[in-house]
Amino acid sequence: DAALVIPQLDDRQTRPLMAKMARIFREIGAMSEVKRFRQHLSLPEDTRRLSQRAFRLYDEYLTYTMGKVQKKGWRVYCGPGCAACCFNMPAGISNWEFL
């Protein structure tokens, strides 16, 4: 089976999730320690806590999106922890996973 990209939804449910994630990542990006990462090669604990919150929001987004896709009759073969995205979409690896 060919890999299928999950469509990006833009509706009343997903917009607030994406806005919250964007705020969190802007907050992380504004931290002075993050801006000095290349010199110190360390990040403050807040970056881990905030990124975990953003990933939980992303999980919520994916759960919602997968439900919408399945309601349209699409069959979804992947699931939590299947690693399909890591192998099929390497450009989708997050900065934190890359570090």
N, C-alpha and C. Protein backbone atom coordinates (compact mmCIF):
# COMPACT_ATOMS: atom_id res chain seq x y z
N ASP A 1 0.83 -1.19 0.00
CA ASP A 1 0.00 0.00 0.00
C ASP A 1 0.87 1.25 0.00
N ALA A 2 0.47 2.20 -0.78
CA ALA A 2 1.19 3.47 -0.80
C ALA A 2 0.89 4.26 0.46
N ALA A 3 1.87 5.01 0.91
CA ALA A 3 1.67 5.86 2.08
C ALA A 3 0.75 7.01 1.70
N LEU A 4 -0.04 7.43 2.63
CA LEU A 4 -0.98 8.50 2.40
C LEU A 4 -0.74 9.58 3.43
N VAL A 5 -0.68 10.81 3.01
CA VAL A 5 -0.46 11.91 3.93
C VAL A 5 -1.78 12.28 4.58
N ILE A 6 -1.76 12.46 5.89
CA ILE A 6 -2.96 12.87 6.62
C ILE A 6 -3.28 14.31 6.21
N PRO A 7 -4.50 14.57 5.78
CA PRO A 7 -4.82 15.93 5.35
C PRO A 7 -4.80 16.90 6.52
N GLN A 8 -4.39 18.12 6.23
CA GLN A 8 -4.42 19.15 7.26
C GLN A 8 -5.83 19.72 7.29
N LEU A 9 -6.45 19.63 8.44
CA LEU A 9 -7.80 20.15 8.57
C LEU A 9 -7.75 21.59 9.05
N ASP A 10 -8.70 22.36 8.61
CA ASP A 10 -8.81 23.75 9.04
C ASP A 10 -10.28 23.99 9.36
N ASP A 11 -10.64 23.67 10.60
CA ASP A 11 -12.03 23.83 11.00
C ASP A 11 -12.09 24.34 12.44
N ARG A 12 -13.29 24.44 12.97
CA ARG A 12 -13.48 24.99 14.32
C ARG A 12 -12.76 24.19 15.39
N GLN A 13 -12.59 22.91 15.19
CA GLN A 13 -11.93 22.06 16.17
C GLN A 13 -10.41 22.18 16.09
N THR A 14 -9.88 22.23 14.88
CA THR A 14 -8.43 22.19 14.73
C THR A 14 -7.75 23.55 14.87
N ARG A 15 -8.41 24.62 14.48
CA ARG A 15 -7.78 25.95 14.56
C ARG A 15 -7.30 26.29 15.96
N PRO A 16 -8.11 26.09 17.01
CA PRO A 16 -7.61 26.41 18.36
C PRO A 16 -6.43 25.53 18.77
N LEU A 17 -6.43 24.26 18.37
CA LEU A 17 -5.31 23.38 18.70
C LEU A 17 -4.03 23.89 18.05
N MET A 18 -4.12 24.24 16.78
CA MET A 18 -2.94 24.74 16.07
C MET A 18 -2.48 26.08 16.65
N ALA A 19 -3.42 26.93 17.02
CA ALA A 19 -3.05 28.22 17.60
C ALA A 19 -2.32 28.03 18.93
N LYS A 20 -2.80 27.09 19.75
CA LYS A 20 -2.13 26.81 21.03
C LYS A 20 -0.73 26.27 20.80
N MET A 21 -0.59 25.36 19.83
CA MET A 21 0.74 24.81 19.53
C MET A 21 1.68 25.92 19.05
N ALA A 22 1.19 26.79 18.19
CA ALA A 22 2.02 27.89 17.68
C ALA A 22 2.46 28.80 18.82
N ARG A 23 1.56 29.10 19.75
CA ARG A 23 1.92 29.95 20.91
C ARG A 23 3.02 29.28 21.73
N ILE A 24 2.87 27.99 21.96
CA ILE A 24 3.87 27.27 22.76
C ILE A 24 5.23 27.31 22.07
N PHE A 25 5.28 27.04 20.78
CA PHE A 25 6.57 27.03 20.08
C PHE A 25 7.16 28.43 19.96
N ARG A 26 6.30 29.45 19.85
CA ARG A 26 6.82 30.83 19.88
C ARG A 26 7.42 31.14 21.24
N GLU A 27 6.77 30.67 22.31
CA GLU A 27 7.29 30.86 23.66
C GLU A 27 8.66 30.19 23.81
N ILE A 28 8.77 28.98 23.31
CA ILE A 28 10.06 28.27 23.37
C ILE A 28 11.11 29.04 22.57
N GLY A 29 10.75 29.46 21.37
CA GLY A 29 11.69 30.17 20.51
C GLY A 29 12.16 31.49 21.08
N ALA A 30 11.35 32.10 21.93
CA ALA A 30 11.71 33.39 22.52
C ALA A 30 12.65 33.25 23.72
N MET A 31 12.84 32.05 24.22
CA MET A 31 13.71 31.86 25.39
C MET A 31 15.16 32.16 25.01
N SER A 32 15.82 32.96 25.82
CA SER A 32 17.21 33.32 25.51
C SER A 32 18.12 32.10 25.49
N GLU A 33 17.84 31.12 26.35
CA GLU A 33 18.67 29.91 26.38
C GLU A 33 18.57 29.13 25.07
N VAL A 34 17.40 29.14 24.47
CA VAL A 34 17.21 28.44 23.20
C VAL A 34 18.01 29.15 22.11
N LYS A 35 18.01 30.47 22.15
CA LYS A 35 18.77 31.23 21.16
C LYS A 35 20.27 30.99 21.29
N ARG A 36 20.71 30.61 22.47
CA ARG A 36 22.14 30.34 22.70
C ARG A 36 22.46 28.84 22.68
N PHE A 37 21.55 28.04 22.17
CA PHE A 37 21.73 26.59 22.17
C PHE A 37 23.05 26.16 21.52
N ARG A 38 23.40 26.78 20.40
CA ARG A 38 24.61 26.36 19.68
C ARG A 38 25.87 26.56 20.51
N GLN A 39 25.87 27.54 21.40
CA GLN A 39 27.05 27.76 22.24
C GLN A 39 27.10 26.79 23.41
N HIS A 40 25.95 26.53 24.03
CA HIS A 40 25.92 25.76 25.28
C HIS A 40 25.48 24.30 25.10
N LEU A 41 24.83 24.00 23.99
CA LEU A 41 24.32 22.65 23.72
C LEU A 41 23.46 22.10 24.86
N SER A 42 22.70 22.97 25.45
CA SER A 42 21.74 22.55 26.48
C SER A 42 20.51 23.44 26.39
N LEU A 43 19.42 22.89 26.85
CA LEU A 43 18.15 23.62 26.84
C LEU A 43 17.57 23.62 28.24
N PRO A 44 16.83 24.67 28.58
CA PRO A 44 16.20 24.71 29.90
C PRO A 44 15.09 23.66 30.01
N GLU A 45 14.81 23.26 31.22
CA GLU A 45 13.77 22.26 31.49
C GLU A 45 12.42 22.70 30.92
N ASP A 46 12.16 24.00 30.91
CA ASP A 46 10.88 24.50 30.39
C ASP A 46 10.66 24.11 28.93
N THR A 47 11.74 23.99 28.15
CA THR A 47 11.56 23.61 26.75
C THR A 47 10.98 22.20 26.64
N ARG A 48 11.44 21.30 27.48
CA ARG A 48 10.92 19.93 27.46
C ARG A 48 9.46 19.91 27.88
N ARG A 49 9.16 20.61 28.95
CA ARG A 49 7.79 20.65 29.47
C ARG A 49 6.84 21.26 28.43
N LEU A 50 7.25 22.37 27.85
CA LEU A 50 6.39 23.03 26.86
C LEU A 50 6.26 22.21 25.58
N SER A 51 7.35 21.60 25.13
CA SER A 51 7.25 20.80 23.91
C SER A 51 6.37 19.57 24.14
N GLN A 52 6.42 18.99 25.34
CA GLN A 52 5.53 17.87 25.65
C GLN A 52 4.07 18.31 25.59
N ARG A 53 3.80 19.51 26.08
CA ARG A 53 2.43 20.04 26.01
C ARG A 53 2.02 20.20 24.55
N ALA A 54 2.91 20.73 23.72
CA ALA A 54 2.60 20.91 22.30
C ALA A 54 2.37 19.57 21.62
N PHE A 55 3.18 18.57 21.95
CA PHE A 55 3.00 17.24 21.35
C PHE A 55 1.68 16.60 21.80
N ARG A 56 1.26 16.86 23.03
CA ARG A 56 -0.05 16.35 23.47
C ARG A 56 -1.16 17.00 22.65
N LEU A 57 -1.03 18.30 22.38
CA LEU A 57 -2.01 18.98 21.53
C LEU A 57 -1.99 18.40 20.12
N TYR A 58 -0.80 18.10 19.62
CA TYR A 58 -0.69 17.50 18.29
C TYR A 58 -1.32 16.12 18.26
N ASP A 59 -1.12 15.34 19.32
CA ASP A 59 -1.79 14.04 19.42
C ASP A 59 -3.30 14.20 19.39
N GLU A 60 -3.79 15.22 20.08
CA GLU A 60 -5.23 15.50 20.09
C GLU A 60 -5.69 15.84 18.66
N TYR A 61 -4.90 16.65 17.97
CA TYR A 61 -5.21 17.00 16.58
C TYR A 61 -5.25 15.75 15.70
N LEU A 62 -4.24 14.88 15.84
CA LEU A 62 -4.20 13.67 15.02
C LEU A 62 -5.37 12.74 15.31
N THR A 63 -5.71 12.59 16.58
CA THR A 63 -6.86 11.75 16.95
C THR A 63 -8.13 12.28 16.29
N TYR A 64 -8.33 13.58 16.36
CA TYR A 64 -9.50 14.20 15.76
C TYR A 64 -9.48 14.01 14.23
N THR A 65 -8.31 14.29 13.62
CA THR A 65 -8.18 14.18 12.17
C THR A 65 -8.42 12.76 11.69
N MET A 66 -7.85 11.80 12.39
CA MET A 66 -8.04 10.39 12.00
C MET A 66 -9.51 10.01 12.09
N GLY A 67 -10.19 10.49 13.11
CA GLY A 67 -11.62 10.22 13.23
C GLY A 67 -12.40 10.78 12.05
N LYS A 68 -12.06 12.01 11.65
CA LYS A 68 -12.74 12.63 10.50
C LYS A 68 -12.47 11.84 9.22
N VAL A 69 -11.23 11.42 9.05
CA VAL A 69 -10.85 10.66 7.85
C VAL A 69 -11.59 9.32 7.82
N GLN A 70 -11.66 8.65 8.96
CA GLN A 70 -12.35 7.36 9.02
C GLN A 70 -13.84 7.52 8.76
N LYS A 71 -14.43 8.62 9.21
CA LYS A 71 -15.85 8.87 8.95
C LYS A 71 -16.12 9.04 7.46
N LYS A 72 -15.10 9.48 6.72
CA LYS A 72 -15.24 9.63 5.27
C LYS A 72 -15.04 8.30 4.54
N GLY A 73 -14.77 7.24 5.31
CA GLY A 73 -14.63 5.92 4.71
C GLY A 73 -13.21 5.49 4.42
N TRP A 74 -12.24 6.30 4.80
CA TRP A 74 -10.85 5.91 4.58
C TRP A 74 -10.45 4.90 5.64
N ARG A 75 -9.67 3.93 5.25
CA ARG A 75 -9.16 2.95 6.20
C ARG A 75 -7.78 3.40 6.67
N VAL A 76 -7.60 3.45 7.96
CA VAL A 76 -6.33 3.90 8.54
C VAL A 76 -5.60 2.68 9.09
N TYR A 77 -4.40 2.46 8.60
CA TYR A 77 -3.62 1.28 8.99
C TYR A 77 -2.61 1.56 10.10
N CYS A 78 -2.24 2.81 10.25
CA CYS A 78 -1.24 3.12 11.27
C CYS A 78 -1.94 3.39 12.60
N GLY A 79 -1.15 3.48 13.63
CA GLY A 79 -1.67 3.77 14.95
C GLY A 79 -0.56 4.32 15.82
N PRO A 80 -0.87 4.64 17.05
CA PRO A 80 0.15 5.18 17.95
C PRO A 80 1.37 4.27 18.03
N GLY A 81 2.53 4.86 17.82
CA GLY A 81 3.77 4.12 17.95
C GLY A 81 4.16 3.27 16.75
N CYS A 82 3.46 3.39 15.62
CA CYS A 82 3.76 2.51 14.48
C CYS A 82 4.99 2.94 13.70
N ALA A 83 5.44 4.16 13.83
CA ALA A 83 6.64 4.70 13.18
C ALA A 83 6.49 4.92 11.68
N ALA A 84 5.30 4.79 11.13
CA ALA A 84 5.13 5.01 9.69
C ALA A 84 5.56 6.41 9.29
N CYS A 85 5.22 7.39 10.06
CA CYS A 85 5.58 8.77 9.71
C CYS A 85 7.09 8.96 9.74
N CYS A 86 7.76 8.34 10.68
CA CYS A 86 9.22 8.48 10.76
C CYS A 86 9.90 7.91 9.53
N PHE A 87 9.37 6.80 8.98
CA PHE A 87 10.00 6.18 7.82
C PHE A 87 9.53 6.78 6.52
N ASN A 88 8.28 7.20 6.45
CA ASN A 88 7.73 7.69 5.19
C ASN A 88 7.82 9.19 5.02
N MET A 89 7.96 9.92 6.10
CA MET A 89 8.00 11.37 6.01
C MET A 89 9.15 11.92 6.86
N PRO A 90 10.41 11.65 6.49
CA PRO A 90 11.51 12.12 7.34
C PRO A 90 11.56 13.63 7.48
N ALA A 91 10.99 14.37 6.54
CA ALA A 91 10.98 15.82 6.67
C ALA A 91 10.07 16.25 7.81
N GLY A 92 9.20 15.36 8.27
CA GLY A 92 8.29 15.69 9.36
C GLY A 92 8.87 15.47 10.74
N ILE A 93 10.16 15.16 10.83
CA ILE A 93 10.78 14.96 12.13
C ILE A 93 10.91 16.31 12.81
N SER A 94 10.55 16.35 14.07
CA SER A 94 10.59 17.63 14.80
C SER A 94 12.02 18.02 15.15
N ASN A 95 12.19 19.29 15.45
CA ASN A 95 13.51 19.78 15.88
C ASN A 95 14.00 19.03 17.10
N TRP A 96 13.10 18.73 18.04
CA TRP A 96 13.50 18.05 19.27
C TRP A 96 13.95 16.63 18.98
N GLU A 97 13.25 15.95 18.05
CA GLU A 97 13.66 14.60 17.68
C GLU A 97 15.03 14.63 16.99
N PHE A 98 15.26 15.66 16.19
CA PHE A 98 16.53 15.80 15.49
C PHE A 98 17.67 16.02 16.48
N LEU A 99 17.43 16.85 17.49
CA LEU A 99 18.47 17.11 18.51
C LEU A 99 18.78 15.85 19.26
